[in-house]
Every structure is written in C-alpha cells, then in structure tokens.
Amino acid sequence: MAIWSELLGVLLETLRFMPGFLLRRLYPSEKLQSALEITVRPQNPLSFSISSDVPSVSIYLQVINHSVIDLELDHLFAEMWSDSPHMMRLAICQSRERSFLRHHSSGDIYCRDFLNELQVRQIRLAQEKQLTFTLHVTAFFDTKLGKVKKEKVSIERLKAEIS
C-alpha cells in the first residue's frame, strides 16, 4: 500500500511540469477550483476605521492552494454585508495586487475600501447592536490551465474591530 501512495505522489509532482494543453486533460479546472480555499485570517479579519478623516474598511484574507499547480492571483472582489434583518451591503473591496501562490501553500491578501457617510452610519448601528458581518469573495487566478475563477465564497458571522 505504501508503494502506491509514493507512486501517486510522484505522479502528482510530474503534473506541475506538464505543458498546459496536456495538463488540462488530466487535471480539470473544476478540480483546481475545489482545491482552492479562501478564508479570513484568524486575528482581526475585518477592521473599520470610521473615526478617521477618510473612513475605510480593511479586509484580511488568506488563500490556501491545496493543489499541485502553482497559480497567480489576478484579482479579487470582496463584498461585505451587515448581518442585520435588512442585510445591507456595506462595501466592495477589490485587490488588484498580483500574488504568486505555489502549490500546497498559502498567501495573505489585503483589501481596503473607503466608506461613505451612509456606510459609516450603518457600521455604527451594527456596532451598537453587536451585529456580525458576511463576506462574499470571488477570486480570479492565472494558471497553466488558463483562467480559474473561485466564485462566491461566503464567510459568515465575522466580528470586526471598529475604531
């Protein structure tokens, strides 16, 4: 049994060196999508700065690549919603910072967006009612397989640091 697991490991390692057209036949993009995980960092994933001259929100995400293929983050969108009965969209952050992510590794992504007066009022209301937030994340990656989209990852019941 141990020899089969070693053989499988060698086979998976050789996938990384195959040309793209052959790799697409052996490793479909759906398999790559399921091997990607997008989550928030464990410490203070959301941070609001609503008392500064220019109010803003900062979102700290982590992308985990469980696949055998190296990839590069092309861009990422994060929609943030308040978990109130009205579910108001508070911000849309985007990261255009390209990050290289090797196989079986993880990387951090930082998104920042500026807030208007209505959004600041909603965040203050959420702070008073001790509401949580939900993120909907869509990320686009460049790989040997071509463009891969990891769509609508929902991260719910997030608490935020509000200053």
N, C-alpha and C. Protein backbone atom coordinates (compact mmCIF):
# COMPACT_ATOMS: atom_id res chain seq x y z
N MET A 1 0.82 -1.18 0.00
CA MET A 1 0.00 0.00 0.00
C MET A 1 0.87 1.26 0.00
N ALA A 2 1.99 1.24 0.71
CA ALA A 2 2.86 2.40 0.79
C ALA A 2 3.46 2.73 -0.57
N ILE A 3 3.73 1.71 -1.37
CA ILE A 3 4.31 1.96 -2.69
C ILE A 3 3.32 2.71 -3.59
N TRP A 4 2.01 2.43 -3.43
CA TRP A 4 1.01 3.12 -4.25
C TRP A 4 0.92 4.59 -3.87
N SER A 5 1.02 4.89 -2.59
CA SER A 5 0.95 6.29 -2.18
C SER A 5 2.19 7.06 -2.66
N GLU A 6 3.36 6.39 -2.64
CA GLU A 6 4.57 7.03 -3.17
C GLU A 6 4.46 7.25 -4.67
N LEU A 7 3.93 6.27 -5.37
CA LEU A 7 3.75 6.39 -6.82
C LEU A 7 2.77 7.51 -7.17
N LEU A 8 1.71 7.61 -6.40
CA LEU A 8 0.75 8.69 -6.61
C LEU A 8 1.39 10.05 -6.35
N GLY A 9 2.21 10.15 -5.33
CA GLY A 9 2.92 11.40 -5.03
C GLY A 9 3.83 11.82 -6.17
N VAL A 10 4.56 10.87 -6.73
CA VAL A 10 5.44 11.15 -7.87
C VAL A 10 4.63 11.59 -9.08
N LEU A 11 3.52 10.92 -9.33
CA LEU A 11 2.66 11.27 -10.45
C LEU A 11 2.12 12.70 -10.30
N LEU A 12 1.67 13.05 -9.11
CA LEU A 12 1.16 14.40 -8.88
C LEU A 12 2.26 15.45 -9.04
N GLU A 13 3.46 15.14 -8.63
CA GLU A 13 4.57 16.09 -8.81
C GLU A 13 4.90 16.31 -10.28
N THR A 14 4.77 15.26 -11.10
CA THR A 14 5.07 15.42 -12.53
C THR A 14 4.01 16.25 -13.24
N LEU A 15 2.80 16.33 -12.67
CA LEU A 15 1.76 17.15 -13.28
C LEU A 15 2.19 18.61 -13.40
N ARG A 16 2.94 19.09 -12.43
CA ARG A 16 3.35 20.50 -12.43
C ARG A 16 4.24 20.84 -13.62
N PHE A 17 4.94 19.87 -14.16
CA PHE A 17 5.89 20.14 -15.24
C PHE A 17 5.32 19.85 -16.62
N MET A 18 4.08 19.42 -16.68
CA MET A 18 3.46 19.11 -17.98
C MET A 18 3.06 20.40 -18.69
N PRO A 19 3.06 20.36 -20.02
CA PRO A 19 2.54 21.53 -20.75
C PRO A 19 1.04 21.70 -20.49
N GLY A 20 0.58 22.95 -20.62
CA GLY A 20 -0.79 23.31 -20.29
C GLY A 20 -1.85 22.49 -21.00
N PHE A 21 -1.66 22.24 -22.33
CA PHE A 21 -2.70 21.52 -23.08
C PHE A 21 -2.87 20.09 -22.57
N LEU A 22 -1.79 19.45 -22.13
CA LEU A 22 -1.88 18.09 -21.60
C LEU A 22 -2.41 18.11 -20.16
N LEU A 23 -1.98 19.09 -19.42
CA LEU A 23 -2.41 19.22 -18.03
C LEU A 23 -3.93 19.43 -17.93
N ARG A 24 -4.50 20.20 -18.86
CA ARG A 24 -5.94 20.46 -18.86
C ARG A 24 -6.75 19.17 -19.03
N ARG A 25 -6.19 18.19 -19.72
CA ARG A 25 -6.91 16.93 -19.92
C ARG A 25 -6.83 16.04 -18.67
N LEU A 26 -5.73 16.12 -17.94
CA LEU A 26 -5.54 15.27 -16.77
C LEU A 26 -6.02 15.92 -15.46
N TYR A 27 -6.02 17.24 -15.44
CA TYR A 27 -6.36 17.96 -14.20
C TYR A 27 -7.35 19.07 -14.55
N PRO A 28 -8.65 18.78 -14.58
CA PRO A 28 -9.65 19.77 -14.99
C PRO A 28 -9.71 20.96 -14.03
N SER A 29 -10.14 22.09 -14.56
CA SER A 29 -10.18 23.31 -13.74
C SER A 29 -11.15 23.18 -12.57
N GLU A 30 -12.18 22.35 -12.69
CA GLU A 30 -13.11 22.14 -11.58
C GLU A 30 -12.38 21.52 -10.39
N LYS A 31 -11.44 20.64 -10.67
CA LYS A 31 -10.67 20.01 -9.60
C LYS A 31 -9.78 21.06 -8.92
N LEU A 32 -9.21 21.95 -9.72
CA LEU A 32 -8.39 23.02 -9.16
C LEU A 32 -9.24 23.96 -8.31
N GLN A 33 -10.43 24.30 -8.79
CA GLN A 33 -11.32 25.17 -8.02
C GLN A 33 -11.65 24.58 -6.65
N SER A 34 -11.88 23.28 -6.62
CA SER A 34 -12.21 22.64 -5.34
C SER A 34 -10.98 22.53 -4.43
N ALA A 35 -9.78 22.66 -4.98
CA ALA A 35 -8.56 22.58 -4.18
C ALA A 35 -8.12 23.95 -3.66
N LEU A 36 -8.87 25.00 -4.01
CA LEU A 36 -8.56 26.34 -3.52
C LEU A 36 -9.50 26.69 -2.37
N GLU A 37 -8.94 27.29 -1.35
CA GLU A 37 -9.73 27.68 -0.19
C GLU A 37 -9.45 29.15 0.10
N ILE A 38 -10.53 29.91 0.28
CA ILE A 38 -10.39 31.32 0.64
C ILE A 38 -11.06 31.51 1.99
N THR A 39 -10.32 32.07 2.92
CA THR A 39 -10.83 32.28 4.27
C THR A 39 -10.28 33.61 4.78
N VAL A 40 -10.66 33.99 5.97
CA VAL A 40 -10.12 35.20 6.57
C VAL A 40 -8.98 34.82 7.51
N ARG A 41 -8.12 35.77 7.75
CA ARG A 41 -7.04 35.46 8.69
C ARG A 41 -7.63 35.34 10.10
N PRO A 42 -7.00 34.56 10.96
CA PRO A 42 -7.58 34.29 12.28
C PRO A 42 -7.70 35.53 13.18
N GLN A 43 -6.73 36.43 13.13
CA GLN A 43 -6.72 37.61 14.00
C GLN A 43 -7.26 38.84 13.27
N ASN A 44 -8.32 39.46 13.77
CA ASN A 44 -8.89 40.70 13.23
C ASN A 44 -9.04 40.69 11.71
N PRO A 45 -9.91 39.87 11.18
CA PRO A 45 -10.05 39.80 9.72
C PRO A 45 -10.67 41.06 9.11
N LEU A 46 -11.54 41.74 9.88
CA LEU A 46 -12.18 42.97 9.42
C LEU A 46 -11.80 44.10 10.36
N SER A 47 -11.50 45.24 9.78
CA SER A 47 -11.15 46.39 10.58
C SER A 47 -11.75 47.63 9.95
N PHE A 48 -12.55 48.35 10.73
CA PHE A 48 -13.14 49.60 10.27
C PHE A 48 -12.44 50.76 10.94
N SER A 49 -12.14 51.76 10.17
CA SER A 49 -11.59 53.00 10.70
C SER A 49 -12.60 54.09 10.35
N ILE A 50 -13.60 54.29 11.24
CA ILE A 50 -14.70 55.21 10.92
C ILE A 50 -14.53 56.57 11.59
N SER A 51 -13.55 56.71 12.48
CA SER A 51 -13.35 58.00 13.13
C SER A 51 -12.22 58.80 12.48
N SER A 52 -11.61 58.27 11.45
CA SER A 52 -10.53 58.99 10.78
C SER A 52 -11.10 59.99 9.77
N ASP A 53 -10.25 60.82 9.21
CA ASP A 53 -10.69 61.81 8.22
C ASP A 53 -11.33 61.15 7.01
N VAL A 54 -10.75 60.04 6.59
CA VAL A 54 -11.30 59.28 5.46
C VAL A 54 -11.64 57.89 5.99
N PRO A 55 -12.91 57.64 6.29
CA PRO A 55 -13.30 56.32 6.83
C PRO A 55 -13.00 55.21 5.83
N SER A 56 -12.59 54.06 6.37
CA SER A 56 -12.24 52.95 5.49
C SER A 56 -12.50 51.61 6.18
N VAL A 57 -12.50 50.57 5.37
CA VAL A 57 -12.59 49.20 5.86
C VAL A 57 -11.38 48.44 5.31
N SER A 58 -10.81 47.60 6.14
CA SER A 58 -9.70 46.73 5.72
C SER A 58 -10.13 45.28 5.92
N ILE A 59 -9.89 44.47 4.91
CA ILE A 59 -10.24 43.06 4.96
C ILE A 59 -8.97 42.25 4.72
N TYR A 60 -8.71 41.31 5.61
CA TYR A 60 -7.52 40.48 5.52
C TYR A 60 -7.96 39.05 5.21
N LEU A 61 -7.60 38.58 4.03
CA LEU A 61 -7.98 37.24 3.59
C LEU A 61 -6.76 36.34 3.48
N GLN A 62 -7.02 35.07 3.45
CA GLN A 62 -5.97 34.07 3.25
C GLN A 62 -6.43 33.11 2.16
N VAL A 63 -5.57 32.89 1.16
CA VAL A 63 -5.85 31.94 0.08
C VAL A 63 -4.96 30.73 0.30
N ILE A 64 -5.56 29.55 0.32
CA ILE A 64 -4.82 28.31 0.53
C ILE A 64 -4.94 27.47 -0.74
N ASN A 65 -3.80 27.11 -1.28
CA ASN A 65 -3.73 26.32 -2.51
C ASN A 65 -3.39 24.87 -2.14
N HIS A 66 -4.40 24.01 -2.15
CA HIS A 66 -4.19 22.59 -1.83
C HIS A 66 -3.83 21.78 -3.07
N SER A 67 -3.72 22.44 -4.21
CA SER A 67 -3.49 21.71 -5.46
C SER A 67 -1.99 21.49 -5.72
N VAL A 68 -1.70 20.80 -6.80
CA VAL A 68 -0.32 20.54 -7.20
C VAL A 68 0.15 21.56 -8.25
N ILE A 69 -0.67 22.57 -8.50
CA ILE A 69 -0.38 23.54 -9.55
C ILE A 69 -0.11 24.91 -8.94
N ASP A 70 0.94 25.57 -9.41
CA ASP A 70 1.23 26.93 -9.00
C ASP A 70 0.22 27.86 -9.66
N LEU A 71 -0.14 28.93 -8.97
CA LEU A 71 -1.07 29.88 -9.55
C LEU A 71 -0.74 31.29 -9.12
N GLU A 72 -1.35 32.24 -9.81
CA GLU A 72 -1.14 33.65 -9.51
C GLU A 72 -2.50 34.33 -9.40
N LEU A 73 -2.71 35.04 -8.30
CA LEU A 73 -3.95 35.77 -8.12
C LEU A 73 -3.96 36.95 -9.08
N ASP A 74 -4.95 36.99 -9.95
CA ASP A 74 -5.10 38.10 -10.89
C ASP A 74 -5.82 39.25 -10.20
N HIS A 75 -7.01 39.00 -9.69
CA HIS A 75 -7.72 39.98 -8.90
C HIS A 75 -8.79 39.30 -8.06
N LEU A 76 -9.30 40.05 -7.09
CA LEU A 76 -10.22 39.50 -6.12
C LEU A 76 -11.23 40.59 -5.75
N PHE A 77 -12.49 40.20 -5.59
CA PHE A 77 -13.55 41.08 -5.13
C PHE A 77 -14.11 40.54 -3.83
N ALA A 78 -14.33 41.42 -2.87
CA ALA A 78 -14.94 41.01 -1.60
C ALA A 78 -16.10 41.96 -1.30
N GLU A 79 -17.29 41.41 -1.23
CA GLU A 79 -18.48 42.18 -0.85
C GLU A 79 -18.74 41.94 0.63
N MET A 80 -18.97 43.00 1.36
CA MET A 80 -19.23 42.86 2.78
C MET A 80 -20.66 43.30 3.08
N TRP A 81 -21.37 42.46 3.82
CA TRP A 81 -22.77 42.71 4.17
C TRP A 81 -22.91 42.71 5.68
N SER A 82 -23.81 43.56 6.18
CA SER A 82 -24.11 43.51 7.62
C SER A 82 -25.15 42.41 7.84
N ASP A 83 -25.03 41.71 8.93
CA ASP A 83 -25.97 40.63 9.25
C ASP A 83 -27.16 41.16 10.04
N SER A 84 -27.75 42.21 9.52
CA SER A 84 -28.95 42.77 10.15
C SER A 84 -30.16 42.20 9.43
N PRO A 85 -31.36 42.47 9.93
CA PRO A 85 -32.55 41.97 9.23
C PRO A 85 -32.65 42.50 7.80
N HIS A 86 -32.01 43.63 7.53
CA HIS A 86 -32.09 44.23 6.20
C HIS A 86 -30.93 43.83 5.29
N MET A 87 -29.91 43.18 5.82
CA MET A 87 -28.74 42.72 5.04
C MET A 87 -28.23 43.80 4.09
N MET A 88 -27.70 44.87 4.61
CA MET A 88 -27.22 45.96 3.77
C MET A 88 -25.78 45.71 3.33
N ARG A 89 -25.52 45.94 2.02
CA ARG A 89 -24.15 45.81 1.52
C ARG A 89 -23.38 47.04 1.98
N LEU A 90 -22.29 46.81 2.70
CA LEU A 90 -21.53 47.91 3.28
C LEU A 90 -20.33 48.32 2.44
N ALA A 91 -19.73 47.40 1.73
CA ALA A 91 -18.53 47.77 0.98
C ALA A 91 -18.23 46.73 -0.07
N ILE A 92 -17.53 47.17 -1.10
CA ILE A 92 -16.98 46.25 -2.10
C ILE A 92 -15.50 46.57 -2.18
N CYS A 93 -14.68 45.62 -1.79
CA CYS A 93 -13.24 45.81 -1.84
C CYS A 93 -12.70 45.00 -3.01
N GLN A 94 -11.68 45.52 -3.63
CA GLN A 94 -11.02 44.73 -4.65
C GLN A 94 -9.52 44.82 -4.47
N SER A 95 -8.88 43.73 -4.77
CA SER A 95 -7.44 43.66 -4.71
C SER A 95 -6.93 43.37 -6.12
N ARG A 96 -6.15 44.27 -6.65
CA ARG A 96 -5.55 44.06 -7.97
C ARG A 96 -4.07 43.74 -7.83
N GLU A 97 -3.67 43.52 -6.60
CA GLU A 97 -2.27 43.18 -6.34
C GLU A 97 -2.05 41.71 -6.72
N ARG A 98 -1.22 41.49 -7.70
CA ARG A 98 -0.98 40.11 -8.16
C ARG A 98 -0.06 39.41 -7.16
N SER A 99 -0.48 38.23 -6.74
CA SER A 99 0.32 37.43 -5.81
C SER A 99 0.52 36.04 -6.36
N PHE A 100 1.75 35.58 -6.27
CA PHE A 100 2.09 34.23 -6.73
C PHE A 100 1.88 33.27 -5.57
N LEU A 101 1.24 32.15 -5.86
CA LEU A 101 0.94 31.15 -4.84
C LEU A 101 1.41 29.78 -5.32
N ARG A 102 2.43 29.27 -4.68
CA ARG A 102 2.97 27.96 -5.07
C ARG A 102 2.01 26.84 -4.66
N HIS A 103 2.22 25.68 -5.24
CA HIS A 103 1.40 24.51 -4.90
C HIS A 103 1.55 24.18 -3.41
N HIS A 104 0.48 23.71 -2.81
CA HIS A 104 0.45 23.33 -1.39
C HIS A 104 0.99 24.44 -0.49
N SER A 105 0.55 25.68 -0.71
CA SER A 105 0.98 26.79 0.13
C SER A 105 -0.18 27.75 0.34
N SER A 106 0.07 28.79 1.10
CA SER A 106 -0.98 29.79 1.34
C SER A 106 -0.37 31.18 1.24
N GLY A 107 -1.24 32.16 1.05
CA GLY A 107 -0.80 33.53 0.96
C GLY A 107 -1.85 34.47 1.51
N ASP A 108 -1.43 35.65 1.96
CA ASP A 108 -2.34 36.64 2.53
C ASP A 108 -2.69 37.69 1.49
N ILE A 109 -3.94 38.12 1.51
CA ILE A 109 -4.44 39.15 0.60
C ILE A 109 -5.04 40.25 1.46
N TYR A 110 -4.73 41.49 1.11
CA TYR A 110 -5.24 42.65 1.83
C TYR A 110 -6.11 43.47 0.89
N CYS A 111 -7.32 43.78 1.32
CA CYS A 111 -8.24 44.63 0.55
C CYS A 111 -8.62 45.83 1.42
N ARG A 112 -8.72 46.97 0.78
CA ARG A 112 -9.13 48.18 1.50
C ARG A 112 -10.08 48.97 0.63
N ASP A 113 -11.09 49.54 1.26
CA ASP A 113 -12.04 50.38 0.54
C ASP A 113 -12.42 51.55 1.44
N PHE A 114 -12.77 52.66 0.81
CA PHE A 114 -13.19 53.85 1.54
C PHE A 114 -14.71 53.82 1.69
N LEU A 115 -15.19 54.41 2.78
CA LEU A 115 -16.60 54.36 3.12
C LEU A 115 -17.25 55.73 3.00
N ASN A 116 -18.53 55.74 2.59
CA ASN A 116 -19.27 57.00 2.56
C ASN A 116 -20.04 57.16 3.88
N GLU A 117 -20.76 58.28 4.00
CA GLU A 117 -21.47 58.58 5.25
C GLU A 117 -22.54 57.54 5.60
N LEU A 118 -23.28 57.09 4.61
CA LEU A 118 -24.31 56.08 4.84
C LEU A 118 -23.69 54.78 5.37
N GLN A 119 -22.60 54.38 4.79
CA GLN A 119 -21.93 53.15 5.24
C GLN A 119 -21.41 53.32 6.67
N VAL A 120 -20.87 54.48 6.99
CA VAL A 120 -20.38 54.73 8.35
C VAL A 120 -21.53 54.67 9.35
N ARG A 121 -22.69 55.24 8.99
CA ARG A 121 -23.86 55.17 9.87
C ARG A 121 -24.29 53.71 10.09
N GLN A 122 -24.29 52.92 9.03
CA GLN A 122 -24.68 51.51 9.15
C GLN A 122 -23.69 50.73 10.01
N ILE A 123 -22.42 51.06 9.91
CA ILE A 123 -21.41 50.37 10.73
C ILE A 123 -21.57 50.76 12.20
N ARG A 124 -21.86 52.02 12.46
CA ARG A 124 -22.11 52.44 13.85
C ARG A 124 -23.34 51.73 14.42
N LEU A 125 -24.37 51.60 13.60
CA LEU A 125 -25.57 50.88 14.01
C LEU A 125 -25.25 49.41 14.30
N ALA A 126 -24.46 48.82 13.43
CA ALA A 126 -24.04 47.42 13.64
C ALA A 126 -23.23 47.29 14.91
N GLN A 127 -22.41 48.30 15.20
CA GLN A 127 -21.60 48.27 16.42
C GLN A 127 -22.50 48.35 17.66
N GLU A 128 -23.50 49.21 17.63
CA GLU A 128 -24.42 49.34 18.77
C GLU A 128 -25.19 48.05 19.01
N LYS A 129 -25.62 47.39 17.92
CA LYS A 129 -26.43 46.18 18.05
C LYS A 129 -25.58 44.92 18.10
N GLN A 130 -24.27 45.09 18.10
CA GLN A 130 -23.32 43.97 18.13
C GLN A 130 -23.60 42.95 17.03
N LEU A 131 -23.81 43.46 15.82
CA LEU A 131 -24.06 42.60 14.67
C LEU A 131 -22.76 42.05 14.12
N THR A 132 -22.88 40.99 13.37
CA THR A 132 -21.72 40.43 12.69
C THR A 132 -21.82 40.76 11.20
N PHE A 133 -20.83 40.33 10.43
CA PHE A 133 -20.76 40.64 9.02
C PHE A 133 -20.55 39.38 8.21
N THR A 134 -20.93 39.46 6.94
CA THR A 134 -20.73 38.36 6.00
C THR A 134 -19.92 38.87 4.82
N LEU A 135 -18.96 38.07 4.37
CA LEU A 135 -18.18 38.40 3.18
C LEU A 135 -18.53 37.42 2.06
N HIS A 136 -18.67 37.94 0.85
CA HIS A 136 -18.80 37.12 -0.35
C HIS A 136 -17.58 37.44 -1.21
N VAL A 137 -16.76 36.43 -1.46
CA VAL A 137 -15.50 36.64 -2.15
C VAL A 137 -15.49 35.90 -3.48
N THR A 138 -15.01 36.58 -4.52
CA THR A 138 -14.78 35.97 -5.83
C THR A 138 -13.35 36.29 -6.23
N ALA A 139 -12.60 35.27 -6.58
CA ALA A 139 -11.19 35.47 -6.93
C ALA A 139 -10.91 34.87 -8.31
N PHE A 140 -9.99 35.50 -9.03
CA PHE A 140 -9.59 35.06 -10.37
C PHE A 140 -8.10 34.77 -10.35
N PHE A 141 -7.73 33.59 -10.85
CA PHE A 141 -6.34 33.15 -10.83
C PHE A 141 -5.86 32.85 -12.25
N ASP A 142 -4.58 33.10 -12.51
CA ASP A 142 -3.92 32.67 -13.74
C ASP A 142 -3.14 31.40 -13.41
N THR A 143 -3.33 30.36 -14.22
CA THR A 143 -2.66 29.08 -14.01
C THR A 143 -2.24 28.51 -15.35
N LYS A 144 -1.56 27.38 -15.30
CA LYS A 144 -1.23 26.65 -16.54
C LYS A 144 -2.49 26.15 -17.24
N LEU A 145 -3.57 26.02 -16.47
CA LEU A 145 -4.84 25.57 -17.04
C LEU A 145 -5.59 26.71 -17.71
N GLY A 146 -5.12 27.93 -17.56
CA GLY A 146 -5.81 29.11 -18.04
C GLY A 146 -6.38 29.87 -16.86
N LYS A 147 -7.36 30.72 -17.10
CA LYS A 147 -8.01 31.48 -16.01
C LYS A 147 -8.90 30.55 -15.20
N VAL A 148 -8.81 30.67 -13.90
CA VAL A 148 -9.66 29.89 -13.00
C VAL A 148 -10.35 30.87 -12.05
N LYS A 149 -11.64 30.66 -11.87
CA LYS A 149 -12.45 31.55 -11.03
C LYS A 149 -12.96 30.78 -9.82
N LYS A 150 -12.66 31.26 -8.65
CA LYS A 150 -13.21 30.71 -7.40
C LYS A 150 -14.33 31.66 -7.00
N GLU A 151 -15.56 31.18 -7.09
CA GLU A 151 -16.71 32.08 -7.05
C GLU A 151 -17.50 31.99 -5.76
N LYS A 152 -17.95 33.13 -5.33
CA LYS A 152 -18.90 33.30 -4.23
C LYS A 152 -18.59 32.45 -3.01
N VAL A 153 -17.42 32.63 -2.49
CA VAL A 153 -17.07 32.00 -1.22
C VAL A 153 -17.72 32.86 -0.13
N SER A 154 -18.58 32.28 0.68
CA SER A 154 -19.26 33.03 1.75
C SER A 154 -18.59 32.74 3.09
N ILE A 155 -18.24 33.81 3.77
CA ILE A 155 -17.65 33.69 5.10
C ILE A 155 -18.58 34.46 6.03
N GLU A 156 -19.23 33.75 6.94
CA GLU A 156 -20.31 34.34 7.74
C GLU A 156 -19.93 34.54 9.19
N ARG A 157 -20.72 35.38 9.85
CA ARG A 157 -20.62 35.68 11.28
C ARG A 157 -19.23 36.18 11.69
N LEU A 158 -18.73 37.15 10.95
CA LEU A 158 -17.44 37.75 11.27
C LEU A 158 -17.63 38.93 12.21
N LYS A 159 -16.77 39.01 13.19
CA LYS A 159 -16.75 40.18 14.08
C LYS A 159 -15.68 41.12 13.56
N ALA A 160 -15.86 42.40 13.83
CA ALA A 160 -14.94 43.40 13.29
C ALA A 160 -14.39 44.28 14.40
N GLU A 161 -13.21 44.79 14.15
CA GLU A 161 -12.61 45.80 15.04
C GLU A 161 -13.03 47.15 14.46
N ILE A 162 -13.69 47.96 15.28
CA ILE A 162 -14.18 49.25 14.81
C ILE A 162 -13.55 50.34 15.66
N SER A 163 -12.87 51.26 14.97
CA SER A 163 -12.23 52.37 15.69
C SER A 163 -12.59 53.69 15.05
